[in-house]
Amino acid sequence: LTYPAMIVAPFVHIARVSVGTKGVSDDAIMEGAFSLGGAVVCSLVPLVLYRRGAIGGGDIKLLAAVGALLQTSMGVEAQMYTFFAATLVAPAKLAYEGKLMTTLKNTFALGANVFLPKAKQKSVDEAVFSWFRLGPAVLFGVLFTAYMHW
C-alpha cells in the first residue's frame, strides 16, 4: 500500500496543478518535486529510529508515503503529530501491560550509557523491550494535520 502511494503522489500533485493551469507548468513540476522532497524528508527521522531499533521498516515506508502525499511541510507536521500521539499511547500501553516502571528504568539506563565509559555502562535485556504498531498514531497525525489546515 505504501509503495503505490509514494510512486503515484508526485504525479497526482503535477496533475492537480496542471488541470488548473491547463498544461504542465513550472509550478506543476515544483509540486511534484515537493512531493518527492516530502517523501525524503519524512523518512529521515524514521531511518535514524530504525537504525537504532526503535521502529520497524514498515513505519519508514508509511511515513515516507505520508510525506509524498502531504508534501514537505505538512508531511513533517503530520509526522510530528504522529510522534506526539505515540508518546501518549506508548506509556498507556506499557502501564496496561504492567511494564511501565521496568521500561522507564531501562530507558534511564540506556540514556545514562551515552555519557558513561564502556566499562561502567549497564546492559539492558532486550527481552523486556516492548513494541506497538505506529499505524494508529500515523492516522491521528494525518487527521489532525488535515483538521488544522482545512
C-alpha atoms as a PDB file:
ATOM      1  CA  LEU A   1       0.000   0.000   0.000  1.00  0.00           C
ATOM      2  CA  THR A   2       2.819   2.427   0.724  1.00  0.00           C
ATOM      3  CA  TYR A   3       4.868   1.999  -2.457  1.00  0.00           C
ATOM      4  CA  PRO A   4       1.990   2.887  -4.804  1.00  0.00           C
ATOM      5  CA  ALA A   5       1.252   5.996  -2.728  1.00  0.00           C
ATOM      6  CA  MET A   6       4.890   7.100  -2.914  1.00  0.00           C
ATOM      7  CA  ILE A   7       5.034   6.481  -6.676  1.00  0.00           C
ATOM      8  CA  VAL A   8       1.660   7.996  -7.616  1.00  0.00           C
ATOM      9  CA  ALA A   9       1.698  11.036  -5.276  1.00  0.00           C
ATOM     10  CA  PRO A  10       4.135  13.210  -7.303  1.00  0.00           C
ATOM     11  CA  PHE A  11       2.136  12.578 -10.493  1.00  0.00           C
ATOM     12  CA  VAL A  12      -1.128  13.400  -8.730  1.00  0.00           C
ATOM     13  CA  HIS A  13       0.328  16.697  -7.498  1.00  0.00           C
ATOM     14  CA  ILE A  14       1.576  17.515 -11.012  1.00  0.00           C
ATOM     15  CA  ALA A  15      -1.829  16.644 -12.491  1.00  0.00           C
ATOM     16  CA  ARG A  16      -3.678  18.675  -9.838  1.00  0.00           C
ATOM     17  CA  VAL A  17      -1.758  21.834 -10.697  1.00  0.00           C
ATOM     18  CA  SER A  18      -1.774  21.102 -14.443  1.00  0.00           C
ATOM     19  CA  VAL A  19      -5.568  20.946 -14.530  1.00  0.00           C
ATOM     20  CA  GLY A  20      -5.788  24.435 -13.025  1.00  0.00           C
ATOM     21  CA  THR A  21      -3.174  25.923 -15.362  1.00  0.00           C
ATOM     22  CA  LYS A  22      -4.280  23.986 -18.491  1.00  0.00           C
ATOM     23  CA  GLY A  23      -0.921  22.330 -19.044  1.00  0.00           C
ATOM     24  CA  VAL A  24       2.206  21.193 -17.268  1.00  0.00           C
ATOM     25  CA  SER A  25       3.889  24.300 -15.942  1.00  0.00           C
ATOM     26  CA  ASP A  26       6.899  25.007 -13.767  1.00  0.00           C
ATOM     27  CA  ASP A  27       4.534  25.214 -10.796  1.00  0.00           C
ATOM     28  CA  ALA A  28       3.259  21.718 -11.526  1.00  0.00           C
ATOM     29  CA  ILE A  29       6.801  20.346 -11.685  1.00  0.00           C
ATOM     30  CA  MET A  30       7.593  22.100  -8.390  1.00  0.00           C
ATOM     31  CA  GLU A  31       4.575  20.451  -6.756  1.00  0.00           C
ATOM     32  CA  GLY A  32       5.852  17.063  -7.894  1.00  0.00           C
ATOM     33  CA  ALA A  33       9.309  17.906  -6.552  1.00  0.00           C
ATOM     34  CA  PHE A  34       7.808  18.948  -3.212  1.00  0.00           C
ATOM     35  CA  SER A  35       6.094  15.568  -3.097  1.00  0.00           C
ATOM     36  CA  LEU A  36       9.384  13.753  -3.669  1.00  0.00           C
ATOM     37  CA  GLY A  37      11.052  16.031  -1.118  1.00  0.00           C
ATOM     38  CA  GLY A  38       8.314  15.231   1.378  1.00  0.00           C
ATOM     39  CA  ALA A  39       8.968  11.509   0.977  1.00  0.00           C
ATOM     40  CA  VAL A  40      12.697  12.003   1.529  1.00  0.00           C
ATOM     41  CA  VAL A  41      12.434  14.451   4.431  1.00  0.00           C
ATOM     42  CA  CYS A  42       9.731  12.443   6.206  1.00  0.00           C
ATOM     43  CA  SER A  43      11.856   9.313   6.042  1.00  0.00           C
ATOM     44  CA  LEU A  44      14.993  10.824   7.628  1.00  0.00           C
ATOM     45  CA  VAL A  45      13.985  10.672  11.304  1.00  0.00           C
ATOM     46  CA  PRO A  46      12.310   7.260  10.918  1.00  0.00           C
ATOM     47  CA  LEU A  47      15.509   5.943   9.288  1.00  0.00           C
ATOM     48  CA  VAL A  48      17.539   7.039  12.313  1.00  0.00           C
ATOM     49  CA  LEU A  49      14.988   5.411  14.629  1.00  0.00           C
ATOM     50  CA  TYR A  50      15.049   2.244  12.515  1.00  0.00           C
ATOM     51  CA  ARG A  51      18.839   2.060  12.707  1.00  0.00           C
ATOM     52  CA  ARG A  52      18.512   2.271  16.497  1.00  0.00           C
ATOM     53  CA  GLY A  53      15.896  -0.484  16.548  1.00  0.00           C
ATOM     54  CA  ALA A  54      13.143   1.846  17.741  1.00  0.00           C
ATOM     55  CA  ILE A  55      10.695   1.358  14.846  1.00  0.00           C
ATOM     56  CA  GLY A  56      10.136  -1.127  12.048  1.00  0.00           C
ATOM     57  CA  GLY A  57      10.784  -0.781   8.334  1.00  0.00           C
ATOM     58  CA  GLY A  58       7.093  -0.554   7.534  1.00  0.00           C
ATOM     59  CA  ASP A  59       6.846   2.589   9.631  1.00  0.00           C
ATOM     60  CA  ILE A  60       9.541   4.220   7.485  1.00  0.00           C
ATOM     61  CA  LYS A  61       7.622   3.409   4.311  1.00  0.00           C
ATOM     62  CA  LEU A  62       4.347   4.615   5.814  1.00  0.00           C
ATOM     63  CA  LEU A  63       5.812   7.948   6.930  1.00  0.00           C
ATOM     64  CA  ALA A  64       7.552   8.403   3.568  1.00  0.00           C
ATOM     65  CA  ALA A  65       4.211   7.827   1.814  1.00  0.00           C
ATOM     66  CA  VAL A  66       2.582  10.391   4.093  1.00  0.00           C
ATOM     67  CA  GLY A  67       5.352  12.819   3.188  1.00  0.00           C
ATOM     68  CA  ALA A  68       4.819  12.182  -0.533  1.00  0.00           C
ATOM     69  CA  LEU A  69       1.068  12.672  -0.240  1.00  0.00           C
ATOM     70  CA  LEU A  70       1.163  15.741   2.013  1.00  0.00           C
ATOM     71  CA  GLN A  71       4.408  17.196   0.645  1.00  0.00           C
ATOM     72  CA  THR A  72       7.252  18.501   2.768  1.00  0.00           C
ATOM     73  CA  SER A  73       5.809  20.949   5.294  1.00  0.00           C
ATOM     74  CA  MET A  74       2.505  19.220   6.029  1.00  0.00           C
ATOM     75  CA  GLY A  75       4.225  15.820   5.922  1.00  0.00           C
ATOM     76  CA  VAL A  76       6.672  16.876   8.624  1.00  0.00           C
ATOM     77  CA  GLU A  77       3.788  18.358  10.607  1.00  0.00           C
ATOM     78  CA  ALA A  78       1.821  15.099  10.362  1.00  0.00           C
ATOM     79  CA  GLN A  79       4.937  13.193  11.410  1.00  0.00           C
ATOM     80  CA  MET A  80       5.351  15.467  14.439  1.00  0.00           C
ATOM     81  CA  TYR A  81       1.741  14.859  15.496  1.00  0.00           C
ATOM     82  CA  THR A  82       2.311  11.142  14.903  1.00  0.00           C
ATOM     83  CA  PHE A  83       5.211  11.070  17.332  1.00  0.00           C
ATOM     84  CA  PHE A  84       3.254  13.154  19.850  1.00  0.00           C
ATOM     85  CA  ALA A  85       0.410  10.636  19.682  1.00  0.00           C
ATOM     86  CA  ALA A  86       2.889   7.767  20.045  1.00  0.00           C
ATOM     87  CA  THR A  87       4.337   9.351  23.189  1.00  0.00           C
ATOM     88  CA  LEU A  88       0.856   9.252  24.692  1.00  0.00           C
ATOM     89  CA  VAL A  89      -0.047   5.755  23.504  1.00  0.00           C
ATOM     90  CA  ALA A  90       3.222   4.025  24.452  1.00  0.00           C
ATOM     91  CA  PRO A  91       3.150   4.757  28.216  1.00  0.00           C
ATOM     92  CA  ALA A  92      -0.548   3.876  28.391  1.00  0.00           C
ATOM     93  CA  LYS A  93       0.100   0.538  26.676  1.00  0.00           C
ATOM     94  CA  LEU A  94       3.084  -0.177  28.919  1.00  0.00           C
ATOM     95  CA  ALA A  95       1.086   0.656  32.047  1.00  0.00           C
ATOM     96  CA  TYR A  96      -1.722  -1.627  30.876  1.00  0.00           C
ATOM     97  CA  GLU A  97       0.785  -4.462  30.361  1.00  0.00           C
ATOM     98  CA  GLY A  98       2.483  -3.785  33.718  1.00  0.00           C
ATOM     99  CA  LYS A  99       5.813  -2.933  32.079  1.00  0.00           C
ATOM    100  CA  LEU A 100       5.907   0.840  32.553  1.00  0.00           C
ATOM    101  CA  MET A 101       8.278   1.048  35.528  1.00  0.00           C
ATOM    102  CA  THR A 102      10.703  -1.544  34.121  1.00  0.00           C
ATOM    103  CA  THR A 103      10.741   0.267  30.789  1.00  0.00           C
ATOM    104  CA  LEU A 104      11.381   3.637  32.437  1.00  0.00           C
ATOM    105  CA  LYS A 105      14.257   2.150  34.424  1.00  0.00           C
ATOM    106  CA  ASN A 106      15.758   0.671  31.249  1.00  0.00           C
ATOM    107  CA  THR A 107      15.241   3.951  29.389  1.00  0.00           C
ATOM    108  CA  PHE A 108      17.182   5.889  32.010  1.00  0.00           C
ATOM    109  CA  ALA A 109      19.923   3.246  31.947  1.00  0.00           C
ATOM    110  CA  LEU A 110      20.201   3.491  28.159  1.00  0.00           C
ATOM    111  CA  GLY A 111      20.253   7.284  28.372  1.00  0.00           C
ATOM    112  CA  ALA A 112      22.977   7.226  31.023  1.00  0.00           C
ATOM    113  CA  ASN A 113      25.038   4.792  28.937  1.00  0.00           C
ATOM    114  CA  VAL A 114      25.590   7.534  26.380  1.00  0.00           C
ATOM    115  CA  PHE A 115      27.593   9.515  28.928  1.00  0.00           C
ATOM    116  CA  LEU A 116      29.373   6.620  30.677  1.00  0.00           C
ATOM    117  CA  PRO A 117      32.568   4.868  29.609  1.00  0.00           C
ATOM    118  CA  LYS A 118      32.147   1.345  28.197  1.00  0.00           C
ATOM    119  CA  ALA A 119      33.312  -0.292  31.433  1.00  0.00           C
ATOM    120  CA  LYS A 120      30.556   1.377  33.509  1.00  0.00           C
ATOM    121  CA  GLN A 121      27.667   1.037  31.067  1.00  0.00           C
ATOM    122  CA  LYS A 122      24.687  -1.050  32.201  1.00  0.00           C
ATOM    123  CA  SER A 123      23.353  -3.729  29.909  1.00  0.00           C
ATOM    124  CA  VAL A 124      19.653  -3.924  29.186  1.00  0.00           C
ATOM    125  CA  ASP A 125      17.945  -7.213  28.428  1.00  0.00           C
ATOM    126  CA  GLU A 126      16.307  -6.913  25.004  1.00  0.00           C
ATOM    127  CA  ALA A 127      13.587  -9.348  26.097  1.00  0.00           C
ATOM    128  CA  VAL A 128      11.958  -6.560  28.121  1.00  0.00           C
ATOM    129  CA  PHE A 129      11.627  -4.258  25.109  1.00  0.00           C
ATOM    130  CA  SER A 130       8.058  -3.618  24.017  1.00  0.00           C
ATOM    131  CA  TRP A 131       6.645  -2.900  20.562  1.00  0.00           C
ATOM    132  CA  PHE A 132       3.427  -1.357  19.373  1.00  0.00           C
ATOM    133  CA  ARG A 133       2.039  -0.501  15.980  1.00  0.00           C
ATOM    134  CA  LEU A 134       2.667   3.076  14.872  1.00  0.00           C
ATOM    135  CA  GLY A 135      -0.146   2.994  12.284  1.00  0.00           C
ATOM    136  CA  PRO A 136      -2.909   4.372  14.544  1.00  0.00           C
ATOM    137  CA  ALA A 137      -0.606   7.200  15.643  1.00  0.00           C
ATOM    138  CA  VAL A 138       0.128   7.977  11.963  1.00  0.00           C
ATOM    139  CA  LEU A 139      -3.614   8.057  11.273  1.00  0.00           C
ATOM    140  CA  PHE A 140      -4.074  10.502  14.141  1.00  0.00           C
ATOM    141  CA  GLY A 141      -1.188  12.659  12.882  1.00  0.00           C
ATOM    142  CA  VAL A 142      -2.598  12.834   9.350  1.00  0.00           C
ATOM    143  CA  LEU A 143      -6.152  13.520  10.514  1.00  0.00           C
ATOM    144  CA  PHE A 144      -5.050  16.202  12.958  1.00  0.00           C
ATOM    145  CA  THR A 145      -2.920  17.862  10.265  1.00  0.00           C
ATOM    146  CA  ALA A 146      -5.903  17.800   7.903  1.00  0.00           C
ATOM    147  CA  TYR A 147      -8.082  19.303  10.633  1.00  0.00           C
ATOM    148  CA  MET A 148      -5.580  22.091  11.281  1.00  0.00           C
ATOM    149  CA  HIS A 149      -5.243  23.026   7.586  1.00  0.00           C
ATOM    150  CA  TRP A 150      -8.696  22.530   6.115  1.00  0.00           C
END
